[in-house]
Every structure is written in C-alpha cells, then in structure tokens.
Amino acid sequence: MKKVGVLVEDQYQVLEVWYPYLRLREEGINTVFIGTGKKEYKSKEGYPAVEELNIKAARAEDFDAVVIPGGYAPDYLRRHAEINSFVSEMFKQGKIVAAICHAGWVLVSSGILKGKKVTGFSAIKDDLINAGAEYYDKDVVVDGNLITSRNPYDLPAFCKEIIKKLK
C-alpha cells in the first residue's frame, strides 16, 4: 500500500489539507498527518487536524509522497529544519513532492527549486523565481517528481496528478 505524508501546521488552508488527505484515501492510499510536535493543529477557520506522526520520527524511506498544503501553515512549517530536511530527502530519493498555494515557501526553504518548473499562489511567484524556479501560471505543473498547484480551485488537477504518479 502506498503511503503519503500530509504536512500540517497551524493556520493551514482547510481544503488543501483535507481534500488530498481524503481523496487519496478513496484511492486506497494510506495518508498520514505529519506535524511539528503538537497534538492538534487549527486551520485558518479553526478546524482541527490531529497529528498522526511527529516530523522528528518521519523518515523519507517510509513514504511514497509528501503533500504540502498552503494557507499560512507553510510559513510555520519552513521554520523547522526537520520539515525542510524531510522534503529535501523525499525529493532526492525521487519520491513525489506535491505543493499547493503558499506551500512553495517550504520548497524554497528545502532548497529543491533550482532549474525546476513550478506554479504556486501568485503572491509567492517572486520567491519561487528567486529560488531558481521557472514559474508558470497554470492549474498544475509537473516537473519530474515535483507537482505544484496555485490554489484550492486547482485541487482536482493537483490530486489527479498525484494519483497518476502513485499508481
């Protein structure tokens, strides 16, 4: 059974966490909330997500993909060296790294964007470009094992590409 980590932190965008988490489960994929050490994380609207695995115990070898949701959570996630190391290691191992909306900030801090084609929320376009990426304003951009999307409206295309790569 395939296993996907979904990173969670406070102020996450509720659809960008729950839509992939549940949609991948519908496909028979094991999804796990990976957090930074709290029992529970609140979305921007206060909806809770319970940590199922602490990032300190997460190993890239144990996962087939990582989903990084947006909202303000990526700004908190990227402050944890373990998060950046995990994402970087997943990328280096050729595992799927999927980021939507502001999640590109985690990709920047993980140091994996040089020479990559990506998209993301328009407000972080400059950050992505300054990290060495080529930016496209499209619903989903796939560059090898890297899958990126712009916002919640892109979730169907985003999840479709993740599922296609996992099958």
C-alpha atoms as a PDB file:
ATOM      1  CA  MET A   1       0.000   0.000   0.000  1.00  0.00           C
ATOM      2  CA  LYS A   2       1.296   3.453  -0.939  1.00  0.00           C
ATOM      3  CA  LYS A   3       1.889   5.904   1.905  1.00  0.00           C
ATOM      4  CA  VAL A   4       1.625   9.700   1.705  1.00  0.00           C
ATOM      5  CA  GLY A   5       2.529  12.221   4.381  1.00  0.00           C
ATOM      6  CA  VAL A   6       0.403  15.374   4.551  1.00  0.00           C
ATOM      7  CA  LEU A   7       2.221  18.131   6.422  1.00  0.00           C
ATOM      8  CA  VAL A   8       0.140  20.090   8.937  1.00  0.00           C
ATOM      9  CA  GLU A   9       0.717  23.229  10.983  1.00  0.00           C
ATOM     10  CA  ASP A  10      -1.496  25.939  12.418  1.00  0.00           C
ATOM     11  CA  GLN A  11      -3.273  28.287  10.010  1.00  0.00           C
ATOM     12  CA  TYR A  12      -3.482  25.667   7.240  1.00  0.00           C
ATOM     13  CA  GLN A  13      -5.886  26.109   4.330  1.00  0.00           C
ATOM     14  CA  VAL A  14      -8.648  23.630   5.196  1.00  0.00           C
ATOM     15  CA  LEU A  15      -9.398  22.397   1.670  1.00  0.00           C
ATOM     16  CA  GLU A  16      -5.725  21.989   0.783  1.00  0.00           C
ATOM     17  CA  VAL A  17      -5.246  19.650   3.751  1.00  0.00           C
ATOM     18  CA  TRP A  18      -8.469  17.686   3.790  1.00  0.00           C
ATOM     19  CA  TYR A  19      -9.189  17.323   0.067  1.00  0.00           C
ATOM     20  CA  PRO A  20      -5.903  15.468  -0.741  1.00  0.00           C
ATOM     21  CA  TYR A  21      -5.957  13.591   2.587  1.00  0.00           C
ATOM     22  CA  LEU A  22      -9.421  12.133   1.892  1.00  0.00           C
ATOM     23  CA  ARG A  23      -9.177  11.910  -1.917  1.00  0.00           C
ATOM     24  CA  LEU A  24      -6.017   9.795  -1.717  1.00  0.00           C
ATOM     25  CA  ARG A  25      -7.692   7.559   0.885  1.00  0.00           C
ATOM     26  CA  GLU A  26     -10.501   6.964  -1.610  1.00  0.00           C
ATOM     27  CA  GLU A  27      -7.822   5.501  -3.886  1.00  0.00           C
ATOM     28  CA  GLY A  28      -6.661   3.093  -1.170  1.00  0.00           C
ATOM     29  CA  ILE A  29      -3.587   5.163  -0.322  1.00  0.00           C
ATOM     30  CA  ASN A  30      -2.524   5.430   3.324  1.00  0.00           C
ATOM     31  CA  THR A  31      -2.434   9.131   4.283  1.00  0.00           C
ATOM     32  CA  VAL A  32      -0.772  10.361   7.467  1.00  0.00           C
ATOM     33  CA  PHE A  33      -0.814  13.823   9.036  1.00  0.00           C
ATOM     34  CA  ILE A  34       2.788  14.776   9.834  1.00  0.00           C
ATOM     35  CA  GLY A  35       3.140  17.673  12.272  1.00  0.00           C
ATOM     36  CA  THR A  36       5.825  19.569  14.113  1.00  0.00           C
ATOM     37  CA  GLY A  37       5.091  18.276  17.590  1.00  0.00           C
ATOM     38  CA  LYS A  38       1.672  19.460  18.683  1.00  0.00           C
ATOM     39  CA  LYS A  39      -1.292  17.190  19.272  1.00  0.00           C
ATOM     40  CA  GLU A  40      -3.655  19.265  17.157  1.00  0.00           C
ATOM     41  CA  TYR A  41      -3.408  21.982  14.503  1.00  0.00           C
ATOM     42  CA  LYS A  42      -6.104  24.524  13.684  1.00  0.00           C
ATOM     43  CA  SER A  43      -6.986  25.675  10.184  1.00  0.00           C
ATOM     44  CA  LYS A  44      -7.438  29.365   9.411  1.00  0.00           C
ATOM     45  CA  GLU A  45     -11.097  28.820  10.366  1.00  0.00           C
ATOM     46  CA  GLY A  46     -10.268  26.760  13.468  1.00  0.00           C
ATOM     47  CA  TYR A  47     -10.970  23.281  12.028  1.00  0.00           C
ATOM     48  CA  PRO A  48      -8.711  20.745  13.773  1.00  0.00           C
ATOM     49  CA  ALA A  49      -6.279  18.241  12.264  1.00  0.00           C
ATOM     50  CA  VAL A  50      -4.720  15.754  14.671  1.00  0.00           C
ATOM     51  CA  GLU A  51      -1.038  14.896  14.291  1.00  0.00           C
ATOM     52  CA  GLU A  52      -0.542  11.226  13.453  1.00  0.00           C
ATOM     53  CA  LEU A  53       3.257  11.355  13.195  1.00  0.00           C
ATOM     54  CA  ASN A  54       5.809  13.845  14.507  1.00  0.00           C
ATOM     55  CA  ILE A  55       8.259  15.056  11.861  1.00  0.00           C
ATOM     56  CA  LYS A  56      11.111  14.001  14.161  1.00  0.00           C
ATOM     57  CA  ALA A  57      10.004  10.372  13.669  1.00  0.00           C
ATOM     58  CA  ALA A  58       9.219  10.683   9.940  1.00  0.00           C
ATOM     59  CA  ARG A  59      11.644   9.009   7.541  1.00  0.00           C
ATOM     60  CA  ALA A  60      11.575   9.632   3.792  1.00  0.00           C
ATOM     61  CA  GLU A  61      12.178   5.903   3.186  1.00  0.00           C
ATOM     62  CA  ASP A  62       8.772   5.141   4.704  1.00  0.00           C
ATOM     63  CA  PHE A  63       6.778   7.353   2.304  1.00  0.00           C
ATOM     64  CA  ASP A  64       5.959   7.406  -1.391  1.00  0.00           C
ATOM     65  CA  ALA A  65       4.930  11.083  -1.437  1.00  0.00           C
ATOM     66  CA  VAL A  66       4.541  14.207   0.644  1.00  0.00           C
ATOM     67  CA  VAL A  67       1.740  16.755   0.224  1.00  0.00           C
ATOM     68  CA  ILE A  68       2.435  20.269   1.430  1.00  0.00           C
ATOM     69  CA  PRO A  69      -0.743  22.353   1.774  1.00  0.00           C
ATOM     70  CA  GLY A  70      -0.990  26.115   1.786  1.00  0.00           C
ATOM     71  CA  GLY A  71      -2.575  28.784   3.894  1.00  0.00           C
ATOM     72  CA  TYR A  72      -0.219  30.406   6.390  1.00  0.00           C
ATOM     73  CA  ALA A  73       0.991  26.978   7.561  1.00  0.00           C
ATOM     74  CA  PRO A  74       3.959  26.841   5.150  1.00  0.00           C
ATOM     75  CA  ASP A  75       5.475  29.896   6.822  1.00  0.00           C
ATOM     76  CA  TYR A  76       5.426  27.961  10.112  1.00  0.00           C
ATOM     77  CA  LEU A  77       6.466  24.638   8.567  1.00  0.00           C
ATOM     78  CA  ARG A  78       9.564  26.064   6.883  1.00  0.00           C
ATOM     79  CA  ARG A  79      10.910  27.231  10.254  1.00  0.00           C
ATOM     80  CA  HIS A  80      11.542  23.601  11.231  1.00  0.00           C
ATOM     81  CA  ALA A  81      14.812  22.135   9.941  1.00  0.00           C
ATOM     82  CA  GLU A  82      13.272  18.651  10.148  1.00  0.00           C
ATOM     83  CA  ILE A  83      10.489  19.648   7.734  1.00  0.00           C
ATOM     84  CA  ASN A  84      12.953  21.099   5.219  1.00  0.00           C
ATOM     85  CA  SER A  85      15.230  18.055   5.524  1.00  0.00           C
ATOM     86  CA  PHE A  86      12.314  15.641   5.089  1.00  0.00           C
ATOM     87  CA  VAL A  87      11.062  17.422   1.947  1.00  0.00           C
ATOM     88  CA  SER A  88      14.582  17.674   0.534  1.00  0.00           C
ATOM     89  CA  GLU A  89      15.250  13.987   1.223  1.00  0.00           C
ATOM     90  CA  MET A  90      11.932  12.929  -0.346  1.00  0.00           C
ATOM     91  CA  PHE A  91      12.885  14.938  -3.437  1.00  0.00           C
ATOM     92  CA  LYS A  92      16.420  13.482  -3.605  1.00  0.00           C
ATOM     93  CA  GLN A  93      15.017   9.941  -3.313  1.00  0.00           C
ATOM     94  CA  GLY A  94      12.759  10.603  -6.312  1.00  0.00           C
ATOM     95  CA  LYS A  95       9.618  10.470  -4.195  1.00  0.00           C
ATOM     96  CA  ILE A  96       6.661  12.703  -5.080  1.00  0.00           C
ATOM     97  CA  VAL A  97       6.779  16.182  -3.567  1.00  0.00           C
ATOM     98  CA  ALA A  98       3.419  17.922  -4.086  1.00  0.00           C
ATOM     99  CA  ALA A  99       2.933  21.543  -3.017  1.00  0.00           C
ATOM    100  CA  ILE A 100      -0.071  23.823  -3.423  1.00  0.00           C
ATOM    101  CA  CYS A 101      -0.615  27.542  -2.928  1.00  0.00           C
ATOM    102  CA  HIS A 102       1.829  29.069  -0.389  1.00  0.00           C
ATOM    103  CA  ALA A 103       3.492  25.646   0.103  1.00  0.00           C
ATOM    104  CA  GLY A 104       6.123  26.779  -2.373  1.00  0.00           C
ATOM    105  CA  TRP A 105       7.727  28.531   0.594  1.00  0.00           C
ATOM    106  CA  VAL A 106       8.626  25.110   2.007  1.00  0.00           C
ATOM    107  CA  LEU A 107      10.123  24.140  -1.365  1.00  0.00           C
ATOM    108  CA  VAL A 108      12.216  27.327  -1.278  1.00  0.00           C
ATOM    109  CA  SER A 109      13.480  26.574   2.245  1.00  0.00           C
ATOM    110  CA  SER A 110      14.142  22.948   1.280  1.00  0.00           C
ATOM    111  CA  GLY A 111      16.470  24.110  -1.490  1.00  0.00           C
ATOM    112  CA  ILE A 112      14.982  21.964  -4.263  1.00  0.00           C
ATOM    113  CA  LEU A 113      13.749  24.516  -6.825  1.00  0.00           C
ATOM    114  CA  LYS A 114      16.830  25.386  -8.885  1.00  0.00           C
ATOM    115  CA  GLY A 115      16.023  24.700 -12.541  1.00  0.00           C
ATOM    116  CA  LYS A 116      12.530  23.340 -11.793  1.00  0.00           C
ATOM    117  CA  LYS A 117       9.244  24.263 -13.461  1.00  0.00           C
ATOM    118  CA  VAL A 118       6.600  25.205 -10.862  1.00  0.00           C
ATOM    119  CA  THR A 119       3.469  27.128 -10.079  1.00  0.00           C
ATOM    120  CA  GLY A 120       2.082  28.451  -6.815  1.00  0.00           C
ATOM    121  CA  PHE A 121      -0.024  31.239  -5.389  1.00  0.00           C
ATOM    122  CA  SER A 122       0.717  34.453  -7.299  1.00  0.00           C
ATOM    123  CA  ALA A 123       1.920  36.264  -4.148  1.00  0.00           C
ATOM    124  CA  ILE A 124       4.940  33.924  -3.858  1.00  0.00           C
ATOM    125  CA  LYS A 125       5.841  33.952  -7.572  1.00  0.00           C
ATOM    126  CA  ASP A 126       8.924  36.126  -6.900  1.00  0.00           C
ATOM    127  CA  ASP A 127      10.079  33.824  -4.085  1.00  0.00           C
ATOM    128  CA  LEU A 128       9.864  30.793  -6.392  1.00  0.00           C
ATOM    129  CA  ILE A 129      11.713  32.563  -9.213  1.00  0.00           C
ATOM    130  CA  ASN A 130      14.397  33.889  -6.836  1.00  0.00           C
ATOM    131  CA  ALA A 131      14.947  30.297  -5.635  1.00  0.00           C
ATOM    132  CA  GLY A 132      15.818  29.355  -9.221  1.00  0.00           C
ATOM    133  CA  ALA A 133      12.485  28.007 -10.468  1.00  0.00           C
ATOM    134  CA  GLU A 134      10.698  28.743 -13.730  1.00  0.00           C
ATOM    135  CA  TYR A 135       7.168  29.937 -12.883  1.00  0.00           C
ATOM    136  CA  TYR A 136       4.025  29.065 -14.853  1.00  0.00           C
ATOM    137  CA  ASP A 137       0.509  30.343 -14.168  1.00  0.00           C
ATOM    138  CA  LYS A 138      -1.263  27.005 -14.666  1.00  0.00           C
ATOM    139  CA  ASP A 139      -3.592  24.833 -12.545  1.00  0.00           C
ATOM    140  CA  VAL A 140      -0.917  22.183 -12.149  1.00  0.00           C
ATOM    141  CA  VAL A 141       2.732  21.896 -13.179  1.00  0.00           C
ATOM    142  CA  VAL A 142       4.557  18.561 -13.104  1.00  0.00           C
ATOM    143  CA  ASP A 143       8.354  18.518 -13.358  1.00  0.00           C
ATOM    144  CA  GLY A 144       9.664  15.033 -12.672  1.00  0.00           C
ATOM    145  CA  ASN A 145       8.674  14.107  -9.115  1.00  0.00           C
ATOM    146  CA  LEU A 146       7.612  17.686  -8.275  1.00  0.00           C
ATOM    147  CA  ILE A 147       3.894  18.563  -8.549  1.00  0.00           C
ATOM    148  CA  THR A 148       2.698  22.113  -7.853  1.00  0.00           C
ATOM    149  CA  SER A 149      -0.634  23.957  -7.995  1.00  0.00           C
ATOM    150  CA  ARG A 150      -1.855  27.505  -7.295  1.00  0.00           C
ATOM    151  CA  ASN A 151      -4.942  27.443  -5.070  1.00  0.00           C
ATOM    152  CA  PRO A 152      -7.948  25.386  -3.844  1.00  0.00           C
ATOM    153  CA  TYR A 153      -9.661  25.626  -7.255  1.00  0.00           C
ATOM    154  CA  ASP A 154      -6.747  23.595  -8.655  1.00  0.00           C
ATOM    155  CA  LEU A 155      -7.220  20.694  -6.201  1.00  0.00           C
ATOM    156  CA  PRO A 156      -8.898  18.324  -8.722  1.00  0.00           C
ATOM    157  CA  ALA A 157      -5.977  18.666 -11.186  1.00  0.00           C
ATOM    158  CA  PHE A 158      -3.440  18.558  -8.325  1.00  0.00           C
ATOM    159  CA  CYS A 159      -4.817  15.326  -6.847  1.00  0.00           C
ATOM    160  CA  LYS A 160      -5.269  13.743 -10.288  1.00  0.00           C
ATOM    161  CA  GLU A 161      -1.533  14.183 -10.978  1.00  0.00           C
ATOM    162  CA  ILE A 162      -0.525  12.868  -7.538  1.00  0.00           C
ATOM    163  CA  ILE A 163      -2.699   9.772  -8.023  1.00  0.00           C
ATOM    164  CA  LYS A 164      -1.370   9.227 -11.559  1.00  0.00           C
ATOM    165  CA  LYS A 165       2.232   9.273 -10.269  1.00  0.00           C
ATOM    166  CA  LEU A 166       1.409   6.935  -7.355  1.00  0.00           C
ATOM    167  CA  LYS A 167      -0.351   4.287  -9.482  1.00  0.00           C
END
